[in-house]
Each structure stands twice: as structure tokens, then as C-alpha cells.
Protein backbone atom coordinates (compact mmCIF):
# COMPACT_ATOMS: atom_id res chain seq x y z
CA UNK A 1 95.16 -21.60 151.73
CA UNK A 2 92.22 -19.47 152.81
CA UNK A 3 91.59 -17.28 155.87
CA UNK A 4 87.73 -17.19 156.26
CA UNK A 5 84.95 -19.70 155.96
CA UNK A 6 81.89 -19.76 154.34
CA UNK A 7 79.26 -16.93 155.17
CA UNK A 8 75.70 -17.91 156.38
CA UNK A 9 72.90 -17.05 153.87
CA UNK A 10 71.47 -14.20 155.02
CA UNK A 11 68.34 -13.71 152.73
CA UNK A 12 65.19 -16.27 153.36
CA UNK A 13 63.34 -18.31 151.24
CA UNK A 14 60.65 -15.12 150.96
CA UNK A 15 63.44 -12.35 150.17
CA UNK A 16 64.98 -14.65 147.57
CA UNK A 17 61.51 -15.31 145.77
CA UNK A 18 61.29 -11.31 146.01
CA UNK A 19 64.56 -11.11 144.21
CA UNK A 20 64.04 -13.48 141.52
CA UNK A 21 60.59 -10.99 140.78
CA UNK A 22 62.43 -8.05 140.52
CA UNK A 23 65.95 -9.09 139.23
CA UNK A 24 67.88 -11.19 136.95
CA UNK A 25 68.84 -14.50 137.30
CA UNK A 26 72.23 -13.08 137.98
CA UNK A 27 71.23 -10.72 140.31
CA UNK A 28 69.37 -13.77 142.05
CA UNK A 29 72.36 -16.01 142.29
CA UNK A 30 74.84 -13.17 143.80
CA UNK A 31 72.15 -12.82 146.64
CA UNK A 32 73.13 -16.55 147.81
CA UNK A 33 76.36 -15.60 148.88
CA UNK A 34 78.73 -18.47 149.27
CA UNK A 35 75.58 -21.49 148.90
CA UNK A 36 74.75 -23.33 145.70
CA UNK A 37 73.92 -20.06 144.11
CA UNK A 38 77.17 -18.54 144.71
CA UNK A 39 78.99 -21.19 143.39
CA UNK A 40 76.77 -20.94 140.31
CA UNK A 41 77.32 -17.46 139.73
CA UNK A 42 80.83 -17.83 139.85
CA UNK A 43 80.48 -20.44 137.11
CA UNK A 44 78.67 -17.94 134.94
CA UNK A 45 81.10 -14.98 135.71
CA UNK A 46 83.97 -17.22 134.47
CA UNK A 47 81.89 -18.36 131.13
CA UNK A 48 81.53 -14.51 130.58
CA UNK A 49 85.46 -13.93 131.36
CA UNK A 50 84.51 -11.38 134.40
CA UNK A 51 86.61 -13.73 136.69
CA UNK A 52 90.40 -13.45 136.59
CA UNK A 53 90.22 -17.19 138.67
CA UNK A 54 87.77 -19.41 139.78
CA UNK A 55 86.33 -19.04 143.18
CA UNK A 56 86.64 -21.82 145.26
CA UNK A 57 84.28 -21.94 148.23
CA UNK A 58 86.00 -23.31 151.44
CA UNK A 59 84.22 -26.27 152.63
CA UNK A 60 86.06 -26.93 155.56
CA UNK A 61 86.95 -24.04 158.49
CA UNK A 62 90.68 -24.23 158.88
CA UNK A 63 92.67 -23.90 162.06
CA UNK A 64 95.67 -21.74 162.38
CA UNK A 65 98.08 -23.12 165.22
CA UNK A 66 101.59 -24.02 165.72
CA UNK A 67 101.51 -27.35 165.44
CA UNK A 68 104.57 -29.09 163.58
CA UNK A 69 104.00 -29.39 159.64
CA UNK A 70 105.96 -30.83 156.95
CA UNK A 71 108.03 -28.95 154.60
CA UNK A 72 107.83 -29.11 150.74
CA UNK A 73 111.17 -30.52 150.21
CA UNK A 74 113.88 -32.01 152.37
CA UNK A 75 115.31 -28.79 154.94
CA UNK A 76 118.53 -28.23 155.67
CA UNK A 77 117.66 -25.31 158.44
CA UNK A 78 115.27 -25.69 161.35
CA UNK A 79 115.82 -22.45 163.10
CA UNK A 80 116.98 -18.89 162.34
CA UNK A 81 118.67 -16.20 164.25
CA UNK A 82 118.75 -12.70 162.57
CA UNK A 83 121.19 -10.18 164.24
CA UNK A 84 119.35 -7.01 162.94
CA UNK A 85 121.38 -4.01 162.39
CA UNK A 86 119.36 -1.21 161.87
CA UNK A 87 120.50 1.95 160.50
CA UNK A 88 123.08 0.72 157.70
CA UNK A 89 125.85 -0.71 158.59
CA UNK A 90 128.83 1.19 156.52
CA UNK A 91 129.90 -1.69 154.03
CA UNK A 92 132.77 0.28 152.87
CA UNK A 93 134.43 0.55 156.43
CA UNK A 94 133.60 -3.03 157.39
CA UNK A 95 133.15 -5.51 154.72
CA UNK A 96 134.10 -4.29 151.26
CA UNK A 97 137.42 -2.54 150.88
CA UNK A 98 137.89 -0.50 147.54
CA UNK A 99 141.26 0.76 146.51
CA UNK A 100 139.53 3.61 144.32
CA UNK A 101 137.99 4.95 147.47
CA UNK A 102 141.59 5.54 149.02
CA UNK A 103 142.91 6.55 145.59
CA UNK A 104 140.25 9.44 145.21
CA UNK A 105 139.65 10.43 148.78
CA UNK A 106 139.27 13.96 148.82
CA UNK A 107 138.58 14.09 145.11
CA UNK A 108 135.46 14.84 143.69
CA UNK A 109 133.26 11.81 142.62
CA UNK A 110 133.85 10.57 138.86
CA UNK A 111 130.38 9.77 138.19
CA UNK A 112 126.78 9.94 139.33
CA UNK A 113 125.66 9.38 143.10
CA UNK A 114 122.27 8.62 143.94
CA UNK A 115 122.11 10.75 147.30
CA UNK A 116 119.26 10.46 149.87
CA UNK A 117 119.87 13.80 151.64
CA UNK A 118 120.67 16.49 148.90
CA UNK A 119 120.98 18.84 151.12
CA UNK A 120 124.10 17.48 153.03
CA UNK A 121 125.12 15.96 150.20
CA UNK A 122 128.78 16.46 148.95
CA UNK A 123 130.23 14.77 145.74
CA UNK A 124 134.04 14.40 147.45
CA UNK A 125 134.89 10.79 147.94
CA UNK A 126 135.53 9.39 151.46
CA UNK A 127 138.22 6.88 152.03
CA UNK A 128 138.17 4.46 154.63
CA UNK A 129 139.99 5.59 157.66
CA UNK A 130 140.04 1.80 158.53
CA UNK A 131 142.76 -0.84 157.19
CA UNK A 132 141.47 -4.43 155.83
CA UNK A 133 143.32 -7.16 155.84
CA UNK A 134 142.71 -10.99 155.07
CA UNK A 135 141.44 -13.60 157.48
CA UNK A 136 141.10 -17.23 157.54
CA UNK A 137 142.01 -19.83 155.11
CA UNK A 138 139.99 -18.28 152.83
CA UNK A 139 141.30 -15.06 152.46
CA UNK A 140 138.36 -12.97 153.16
CA UNK A 141 139.27 -9.16 153.61
CA UNK A 142 137.69 -7.35 156.55
CA UNK A 143 138.09 -4.08 158.40
CA UNK A 144 140.21 -3.73 161.51
CA UNK A 145 136.91 -2.89 162.67
CA UNK A 146 135.56 -6.43 163.09
CA UNK A 147 138.33 -8.21 164.51
CA UNK A 148 136.17 -11.22 165.97
CA UNK A 149 134.19 -11.54 162.59
CA UNK A 150 137.73 -12.25 160.71
CA UNK A 151 138.07 -15.11 163.68
CA UNK A 152 135.02 -16.80 161.79
CA UNK A 153 135.76 -15.86 158.20
CA UNK A 154 135.95 -19.73 157.22
CA UNK A 155 132.46 -20.03 158.56
CA UNK A 156 130.63 -17.51 156.69
CA UNK A 157 129.01 -16.29 153.31
CA UNK A 158 129.83 -12.81 152.98
CA UNK A 159 127.54 -11.04 150.61
CA UNK A 160 128.64 -7.82 149.05
CA UNK A 161 125.73 -7.39 146.37
CA UNK A 162 123.05 -6.88 148.29
CA UNK A 163 120.20 -4.52 146.54
CA UNK A 164 116.72 -3.02 147.77
CA UNK A 165 116.97 0.20 145.63
CA UNK A 166 114.73 2.14 147.88
CA UNK A 167 117.09 4.60 150.04
CA UNK A 168 114.44 5.65 153.04
CA UNK A 169 115.13 3.21 156.33
CA UNK A 170 111.27 2.27 156.48
CA UNK A 171 110.74 1.24 153.14
CA UNK A 172 114.29 -0.85 152.87
CA UNK A 173 113.52 -2.21 156.39
CA UNK A 174 109.92 -3.58 154.89
CA UNK A 175 111.37 -4.82 151.94
CA UNK A 176 114.12 -6.71 153.68
CA UNK A 177 111.64 -7.97 156.29
CA UNK A 178 108.20 -8.45 154.43
CA UNK A 179 109.33 -8.47 150.80
CA UNK A 180 107.87 -4.77 149.58
CA UNK A 181 108.09 -1.26 150.87
CA UNK A 182 105.15 -1.04 152.38
CA UNK A 183 103.46 -1.47 155.95
CA UNK A 184 101.40 -4.00 157.11
CA UNK A 185 102.69 -7.36 155.32
CA UNK A 186 103.66 -10.45 157.33
CA UNK A 187 107.54 -10.50 157.92
CA UNK A 188 109.64 -13.62 156.97
CA UNK A 189 109.57 -14.90 160.85
CA UNK A 190 105.80 -14.96 160.75
CA UNK A 191 105.77 -16.77 157.40
CA UNK A 192 108.34 -19.18 158.62
CA UNK A 193 106.59 -20.28 161.59
CA UNK A 194 103.28 -20.26 159.40
CA UNK A 195 104.64 -22.53 156.82
CA UNK A 196 106.37 -24.74 159.45
CA UNK A 197 105.04 -24.52 162.93
CA UNK A 198 106.89 -24.78 166.18
CA UNK A 199 109.06 -27.25 167.43
CA UNK A 200 108.46 -26.61 171.11
CA UNK A 201 104.81 -26.00 172.61
CA UNK A 202 106.24 -24.19 175.34
CA UNK A 203 107.66 -21.39 174.10
CA UNK A 204 106.85 -18.73 171.57
CA UNK A 205 108.25 -19.70 167.88
CA UNK A 206 109.08 -16.47 167.04
CA UNK A 207 111.00 -14.04 169.68
CA UNK A 208 112.20 -10.80 169.25
CA UNK A 209 114.60 -9.56 171.42
CA UNK A 210 114.85 -5.59 171.41
CA UNK A 211 117.53 -3.53 172.48
CA UNK A 212 117.47 -1.71 175.80
CA UNK A 213 118.22 1.73 174.02
CA UNK A 214 115.31 2.36 171.66
CA UNK A 215 112.75 0.38 169.54
CA UNK A 216 114.00 -0.03 165.87
CA UNK A 217 112.91 2.28 163.07
CA UNK A 218 108.87 0.97 162.16
CA UNK A 219 108.71 -0.35 165.95
CA UNK A 220 106.30 -3.33 166.07
CA UNK A 221 106.05 -3.70 162.33
CA UNK A 222 109.62 -5.59 162.45
CA UNK A 223 107.97 -8.74 163.95
CA UNK A 224 104.48 -8.15 162.57
CA UNK A 225 102.06 -10.98 161.57
CA UNK A 226 100.32 -8.40 159.15
CA UNK A 227 97.57 -10.10 157.39
CA UNK A 228 98.55 -13.75 158.45
CA UNK A 229 96.44 -14.96 161.66
CA UNK A 230 97.68 -13.38 164.83
CA UNK A 231 99.30 -16.50 165.92
CA UNK A 232 102.08 -15.86 163.91
CA UNK A 233 103.28 -12.50 165.08
CA UNK A 234 106.47 -12.29 166.62
CA UNK A 235 106.83 -12.35 170.90
CA UNK A 236 108.66 -9.34 172.28
CA UNK A 237 111.46 -10.28 174.83
CA UNK A 238 112.03 -7.32 177.22
CA UNK A 239 115.94 -5.64 177.01
CA UNK A 240 116.09 -5.98 180.85
CA UNK A 241 114.86 -8.18 183.78
CA UNK A 242 112.18 -9.35 184.01
CA UNK A 243 112.73 -9.77 180.69
CA UNK A 244 108.95 -11.25 180.45
CA UNK A 245 106.22 -9.12 182.58
CA UNK A 246 103.71 -11.06 184.94
CA UNK A 247 105.43 -14.57 183.96
CA UNK A 248 104.57 -16.06 187.41
CA UNK A 249 101.48 -16.15 188.83
CA UNK A 250 100.57 -14.71 192.50
CA UNK A 251 100.94 -16.76 195.45
CA UNK A 252 97.07 -17.20 195.63
CA UNK A 253 96.70 -18.46 192.39
CA UNK A 254 99.41 -20.77 192.21
CA UNK A 255 99.06 -24.53 191.70
CA UNK A 256 96.05 -26.21 191.43
CA UNK A 257 93.89 -22.66 191.94
CA UNK A 258 95.74 -21.58 188.78
CA UNK A 259 95.17 -24.94 186.65
CA UNK A 260 91.00 -24.84 187.53
CA UNK A 261 91.09 -21.10 186.50
CA UNK A 262 92.95 -21.69 183.24
CA UNK A 263 90.47 -25.28 182.36
CA UNK A 264 87.44 -22.73 183.19
CA UNK A 265 88.72 -20.14 180.87
CA UNK A 266 89.29 -22.58 178.23
CA UNK A 267 85.97 -23.67 178.46
CA UNK A 268 84.15 -20.48 178.14
CA UNK A 269 86.71 -19.45 175.13
CA UNK A 270 86.23 -22.29 173.24
CA UNK A 271 82.23 -22.03 173.71
CA UNK A 272 82.55 -18.38 172.31
CA UNK A 273 84.88 -19.28 169.31
CA UNK A 274 82.17 -21.93 168.36
CA UNK A 275 80.13 -19.42 167.90
CA UNK A 276 82.30 -17.07 165.95
CA UNK A 277 84.33 -19.61 163.54
CA UNK A 278 86.84 -18.46 161.65
CA UNK A 279 88.16 -15.46 163.95
CA UNK A 280 91.70 -16.00 163.91
CA UNK A 281 92.84 -13.27 166.63
CA UNK A 282 90.10 -15.18 169.02
CA UNK A 283 91.87 -18.51 167.88
CA UNK A 284 95.36 -16.82 168.60
CA UNK A 285 94.44 -15.40 171.90
CA UNK A 286 93.07 -18.48 172.94
CA UNK A 287 96.34 -20.20 172.03
CA UNK A 288 98.59 -17.45 174.08
CA UNK A 289 96.67 -18.33 177.18
CA UNK A 290 97.88 -22.12 177.22
CA UNK A 291 101.02 -21.10 175.88
CA UNK A 292 101.43 -18.79 178.71
CA UNK A 293 100.80 -21.49 181.63
CA UNK A 294 103.28 -23.47 179.87
CA UNK A 295 105.85 -20.47 179.54
CA UNK A 296 105.72 -20.02 183.37
CA UNK A 297 108.53 -22.66 183.64
CA UNK A 298 110.05 -22.83 180.27
CA UNK A 299 110.72 -19.10 179.67
CA UNK A 300 111.88 -18.33 183.02
CA UNK A 301 114.44 -21.76 182.36
CA UNK A 302 115.54 -20.73 178.70
CA UNK A 303 115.75 -16.58 179.18
CA UNK A 304 118.34 -17.21 182.24
CA UNK A 305 121.80 -17.56 181.62
CA UNK A 306 123.05 -18.15 185.27
CA UNK A 307 123.69 -21.67 184.21
CA UNK A 308 125.92 -21.12 181.42
CA UNK A 309 129.61 -21.50 182.25
CA UNK A 310 132.29 -18.66 182.61
CA UNK A 311 133.83 -19.52 179.77
CA UNK A 312 130.85 -19.34 177.60
CA UNK A 313 130.09 -15.84 179.09
CA UNK A 314 133.12 -14.51 178.47
CA UNK A 315 133.18 -15.50 175.08
CA UNK A 316 130.12 -13.46 174.32
CA UNK A 317 131.80 -10.77 176.14
CA UNK A 318 129.70 -10.41 179.23
CA UNK A 319 132.58 -9.49 181.09
CA UNK A 320 132.97 -6.15 179.25
CA UNK A 321 130.73 -3.24 179.51
CA UNK A 322 130.63 -2.59 175.85
CA UNK A 323 129.44 -5.81 174.88
CA UNK A 324 127.85 -7.36 177.84
CA UNK A 325 124.10 -6.57 176.78
CA UNK A 326 124.42 -7.56 173.20
CA UNK A 327 126.33 -10.36 174.25
CA UNK A 328 123.48 -11.46 176.90
CA UNK A 329 120.58 -11.24 173.88
CA UNK A 330 122.78 -13.31 171.51
CA UNK A 331 123.22 -15.99 174.47
CA UNK A 332 119.78 -16.01 175.20
CA UNK A 333 118.93 -16.35 171.23
CA UNK A 334 121.19 -19.35 171.45
CA UNK A 335 119.38 -21.02 174.18
CA UNK A 336 116.06 -20.14 172.60
CA UNK A 337 116.80 -22.18 169.46
CA UNK A 338 118.50 -24.76 171.31
CA UNK A 339 115.16 -25.24 173.04
CA UNK A 340 113.02 -25.47 169.63
CA UNK A 341 112.34 -21.95 169.04
CA UNK A 342 112.02 -21.37 164.94
CA UNK A 343 112.94 -18.21 164.40
CA UNK A 344 114.85 -15.22 166.60
CA UNK A 345 115.57 -11.63 165.97
CA UNK A 346 118.20 -9.51 168.10
CA UNK A 347 117.82 -5.93 167.24
CA UNK A 348 120.26 -3.12 167.74
CA UNK A 349 118.71 0.31 168.89
CA UNK A 350 117.23 2.56 166.62
CA UNK A 351 119.54 4.03 163.98
CA UNK A 352 122.83 2.75 165.87
CA UNK A 353 124.26 2.48 162.33
CA UNK A 354 123.11 5.35 160.37
CA UNK A 355 126.16 7.69 160.47
CA UNK A 356 125.19 10.55 158.36
CA UNK A 357 127.70 12.50 160.54
CA UNK A 358 131.04 11.68 162.89
CA UNK A 359 131.37 8.29 161.49
CA UNK A 360 134.80 8.24 162.80
CA UNK A 361 133.61 7.65 166.54
CA UNK A 362 130.29 6.43 165.68
CA UNK A 363 131.09 3.43 163.42
CA UNK A 364 133.94 1.93 165.74
CA UNK A 365 131.20 2.26 168.72
CA UNK A 366 128.68 0.43 167.38
CA UNK A 367 131.19 -2.28 166.12
CA UNK A 368 132.56 -2.84 169.30
CA UNK A 369 129.11 -3.46 170.55
CA UNK A 370 128.48 -6.26 168.48
CA UNK A 371 131.28 -7.68 167.05
CA UNK A 372 132.31 -10.03 169.59
CA UNK A 373 129.13 -11.37 170.60
CA UNK A 374 127.93 -12.09 166.87
CA UNK A 375 131.24 -13.92 166.49
CA UNK A 376 130.65 -15.62 169.52
CA UNK A 377 127.37 -16.84 168.51
CA UNK A 378 128.35 -18.50 165.50
CA UNK A 379 131.35 -20.58 167.29
CA UNK A 380 129.21 -21.45 169.98
CA UNK A 381 126.65 -23.05 167.90
CA UNK A 382 129.22 -24.74 165.80
CA UNK A 383 130.65 -25.99 169.03
CA UNK A 384 127.38 -27.62 169.95
CA UNK A 385 126.57 -28.94 166.75
CA UNK A 386 123.81 -26.44 166.23
CA UNK A 387 125.19 -24.53 163.43
CA UNK A 388 124.08 -27.00 160.50
CA UNK A 389 120.86 -26.61 161.18
CA UNK A 390 120.62 -22.86 162.44
CA UNK A 391 121.01 -20.00 159.94
CA UNK A 392 122.68 -16.73 161.68
CA UNK A 393 122.11 -13.69 159.68
CA UNK A 394 124.10 -10.26 160.33
CA UNK A 395 122.82 -7.29 158.61
CA UNK A 396 121.04 -4.17 157.78
CA UNK A 397 118.44 -2.56 155.64
CA UNK A 398 121.23 -0.73 153.77
CA UNK A 399 124.93 0.25 153.38
CA UNK A 400 126.41 3.78 153.03
CA UNK A 401 127.60 6.05 150.20
CA UNK A 402 131.30 6.39 149.13
CA UNK A 403 131.30 10.25 149.40
CA UNK A 404 130.98 12.38 152.33
CA UNK A 405 127.99 13.49 153.84
CA UNK A 406 127.94 16.57 156.43
CA UNK A 407 130.92 17.94 155.05
CA UNK A 408 131.94 20.03 158.04
CA UNK A 409 135.60 19.02 159.09
CA UNK A 410 137.20 15.13 159.49
CA UNK A 411 135.60 14.78 163.15
CA UNK A 412 132.08 15.29 161.43
CA UNK A 413 131.87 13.71 158.16
CA UNK A 414 129.63 10.61 157.49
CA UNK A 415 128.20 8.84 154.74
CA UNK A 416 124.75 8.97 153.34
CA UNK A 417 122.21 5.96 152.68
CA UNK A 418 122.72 3.42 149.69
CA UNK A 419 120.76 0.93 149.29
CA UNK A 420 121.99 -0.08 145.44
CA UNK A 421 125.13 -2.28 146.81
CA UNK A 422 125.46 -3.24 150.48
CA UNK A 423 126.84 -6.09 152.31
CA UNK A 424 125.77 -8.81 155.12
CA UNK A 425 126.87 -12.31 156.25
CA UNK A 426 125.07 -15.28 156.70
CA UNK A 427 126.26 -18.55 158.59
CA UNK A 428 125.02 -22.34 158.95
CA UNK A 429 121.91 -23.76 157.82
CA UNK A 430 123.76 -24.92 154.66
CA UNK A 431 125.16 -21.51 153.67
CA UNK A 432 128.64 -21.82 152.03
CA UNK A 433 131.49 -21.43 154.46
CA UNK A 434 134.53 -19.11 153.82
CA UNK A 435 132.61 -17.64 150.58
CA UNK A 436 132.51 -13.90 149.03
CA UNK A 437 129.44 -13.76 146.98
CA UNK A 438 129.08 -11.01 144.35
CA UNK A 439 130.47 -7.37 144.19
CA UNK A 440 129.72 -3.79 143.83
CA UNK A 441 131.49 -1.63 141.64
CA UNK A 442 134.90 0.03 141.97
CA UNK A 443 133.61 2.54 144.41
CA UNK A 444 131.34 0.32 146.28
CA UNK A 445 128.03 2.23 145.18
CA UNK A 446 126.34 -0.11 143.36
CA UNK A 447 125.57 -3.84 143.08
CA UNK A 448 126.95 -5.06 139.57
CA UNK A 449 128.01 -8.71 140.17
CA UNK A 450 125.56 -11.77 141.12
CA UNK A 451 123.26 -9.08 142.76
CA UNK A 452 121.09 -10.82 145.51
CA UNK A 453 117.96 -8.45 145.61
CA UNK A 454 115.76 -8.77 148.79
CA UNK A 455 113.23 -11.12 147.36
CA UNK A 456 115.80 -13.30 146.22
CA UNK A 457 117.30 -13.47 149.82
CA UNK A 458 114.01 -14.55 150.90
CA UNK A 459 113.48 -17.16 148.44
CA UNK A 460 116.73 -18.62 149.69
CA UNK A 461 116.06 -18.13 153.30
CA UNK A 462 112.81 -20.33 152.78
CA UNK A 463 114.60 -23.25 150.16
CA UNK A 464 116.87 -23.64 153.28
CA UNK A 465 114.06 -24.60 155.60
CA UNK A 466 112.73 -26.88 152.72
CA UNK A 467 109.74 -24.30 151.47
CA UNK A 468 109.38 -23.02 148.16
CA UNK A 469 108.48 -19.10 148.37
CA UNK A 470 105.94 -19.53 145.47
CA UNK A 471 103.96 -22.31 147.31
CA UNK A 472 103.95 -20.99 150.74
CA UNK A 473 100.92 -18.90 150.43
CA UNK A 474 97.83 -17.41 152.18
CA UNK A 475 94.78 -16.89 150.55
CA UNK A 476 93.33 -13.34 151.07
CA UNK A 477 91.00 -11.27 149.21
CA UNK A 478 90.48 -13.90 146.76
CA UNK A 479 93.75 -14.73 145.69
CA UNK A 480 96.77 -16.63 147.17
CA UNK A 481 99.73 -14.27 148.25
CA UNK A 482 103.02 -15.25 149.55
CA UNK A 483 106.17 -13.41 150.77
CA UNK A 484 107.57 -12.59 147.48
CA UNK A 485 104.32 -10.95 146.48
CA UNK A 486 104.79 -11.29 142.32
CA UNK A 487 108.52 -10.45 142.71
CA UNK A 488 110.85 -12.69 140.56
CA UNK A 489 112.89 -13.84 143.60
CA UNK A 490 115.02 -16.82 143.22
CA UNK A 491 116.67 -19.00 145.18
CA UNK A 492 120.65 -18.33 144.67
CA UNK A 493 122.42 -21.45 144.35
CA UNK A 494 126.28 -19.87 144.35
CA UNK A 495 125.34 -18.98 148.55
CA UNK A 496 124.52 -22.71 149.19
CA UNK A 497 126.99 -26.00 149.88
CA UNK A 498 124.16 -27.51 148.01
CA UNK A 499 121.22 -26.04 146.60
């Protein structure tokens, strides 16, 4: 798939004859850009071994839009809600019980630790202050910090062997979102909408529901289209009313006046685009104007929870101050996928889970905010018959270390970053139910069994949407690029009901 159309031949025939007179045959051919001479040049360079791959001039200008597209194979999921826990939830205190931690609590760690912040590091083991017990028919062991998750244990796959191997927030966030530690690449939500388009033409295909506390680390990079056309960028939904600014037209533009204005704007934009073929940002802007008009009705309805029953609102925790805000966004996420939105990401605030210190108070507060709403989302989707076709993901970019950071007394201790072994969970969309996948070592430091790297996670999610990660490509800088970007990402059959 190519981004740019043929370039116009710049040289006149006079300048071409002048070039021939003073240059070699190859210099002449190179001056002809993407015309017949350019194709001949590519053939000559290929014969000389100077090209790594054949250059294929694009013969037809491609349009980038959100029209529905067929997947590579039969999909099991058609939508995804990612509950993004920015900062690094402590797997050791929530999802991954380790008797050795309790045995060595307060003692030196008997091995090597990969610290991120050496200045505050210690080698003293920190046993979890919270008790674990089994939940559901599957017997999944979970902490007392997440009792509501325990109620849906039989509906989730708990992955205890995640790994990105890059210990800073920004790089690991990038790895989990766009496949590499570098910024500027398309995130998974952009790839999904690029590959499949949208199931609705009245709402954005990809929506980011941000936290009122603060933008997550990396800010807009979290929902970036990168170098994919701008049509595939996530649309931000504000955390308070009005959730979309300027959604309603002013009184003097309502009705036919607005319609005539939009029709004129469409004509002018199309004329402008015809003179500038291949300008994907311009194409995206035109499409945005069209979508904005439809959203005046559709978005207002989708983002309003006033019609939801008291029972549903209570299930999401909307009656409690600690859970009301995150619960509202989880409920909105369900309403969006119910109306055909492809990918919704619900963010917690910047560093909410980054407990370098005071973990005994900070971690319970973070869990109270999200535990009930997250479980309610899975239960609600299941009751509505939507869970089979909707992936729910819960997780962040890292976990925490088994040793104390900030060893300044029990009330102040915390845990440093750990990207070598951490946990997250998924439900629906063909993921196994009541299943624990993989394991970390006996102290929870490193993933050692059935390791799931970030690129394996990406390949598996795309597979569930009917997409082959290697085949979902975009041509850029002369080569086909994809979400894996050359990494050995593989579908993990052990995560799935059927691979």
C-alpha cells in the first residue's frame, strides 16, 4: 500500500536533451522521475544490484477513508476497549502471588535486580501487604485489592508473563502502543481502523477517553496515527461536559443554513483537493467536516448516559465518588462500541499507578477507582451479547519490582519499574475464559514461562480482528511497513479459545 502518487515530470524535453548531452544514460533516466525513464532506471539499478527491492510506481491514486474493508481471514472480534492503566500497576500486589516474597520480606534479595532508579534502590525484599485468594471455578488467585475482578475471573485471561524489556515509561508505552520504543509511529488503534475501516459513519472509528486528572505520559502520542494518513488518528473525548466542544451549531446556522454551508464547503474542498492529489491530511480534514455534521446528533446521544437504567449505573459504580468518573467513561465506552466504534481507549491519569513510594496508600486508591467499573464493563458486554465480539483489555506499560524503593519507613516504601515480567488481562473477542497464561520467576521479577512480548500481543490482537500483522502494511519511504516493524511477533494460541 502506497502513500504517495506519481510525481509530475519536472523537466521539459529541452532540459532532457541538455541532460543527455552532458550526462550518462543513467543520469538522463534518473531525471525522468516516475515516468518511463524512472521505471527503466529502477530496472538498471536492480540489474546492478543497487536496489534491495523493485520499485513499483503507483499507477492509481489511493484514497484513504473509513469505508468498511474485508479482513484477511474470518475475525472473532470487531471492536476493542482498552482500559489503559498508565504508570505500571504492581502485578505482585494484584495479580501474581509469590510465596517467596513473603518468605524473604525484609531480607536481602538473593539475586540480581534490574533497577531503573538506582539512587533510591534497595535490595530489601518487599512482601505484598495484601492477601490473595482463589476466585471463580477456575481458581484464579487474585489480591483483595481487586474483589470485583474476582467476580469475573471465569471470563478473563490473566497474562502473567508480559515483557517489553525497556524500563522507562515513555519507551515502554510506545512499545505497548506502537510496537517500538520510538515515538512517531502509528498506534494499534490507528492500524485497526486503517486495516478494517469503520462500522459507523456517524461517529469516529477510534476514540480516546482521557482522565480529568492529567493526560497520560506521552500525551497525544498515545492515540497518534504516526505516518498513517490522519484519518486514522484517535479522536479525544473530554473527561467532563461538554465532552466534545462546539458540537451544536449556533442558532443562526441550524437547519438548512448549515446544510447549504456544508455543501459549499464540500465543493470548495474537493476542488482544492483535485489540484493537490495525494494530500492525505487534506483528505482527512474534508472527511472530518462530513463526520462532524453527523456527530451533532449521533455523538450527543452516544455520550449521554441519562437513558441508562439505575441498575446499570449502580453496577458501574456511578453512585460512589471513588468510582463515578471512571465508571462513567467505561459505560460510555460500552455505548460507543454498541454503536459501531471500532477502538476505544479509556485512560487513567498520568502516573496514577507509578508507586515509587507510599504504595500502601496509593495502590489501594488506584484500585478503588477502576476495579468495579472494569469488571462491570465485562459483565455488561456479556449480558448484552457483545463480549464475544469485543476485546476488553486491562493493563499498563510495566509492573513493579520485588524489592523496596524509597526505604524510608513502612508508610513511604514503594516499588520501582519492572518491564521484564508483569501482568495484564483480556476478556472477550475469542480470548480464553478463566485462564492464566505464563509465569514469572519465584520473585516475580522476570517472565520465564510462555513469555508474551509486546509484539506477540499485537500480532494476537490483530489476528482476532482477522488481520495478519505481516500483511497489514503501509508503503513508506520505499518499503512496506507494519505494526511489528520486523520484530518476530507471533500469534499466541494459548491465549485464545481457538487460534
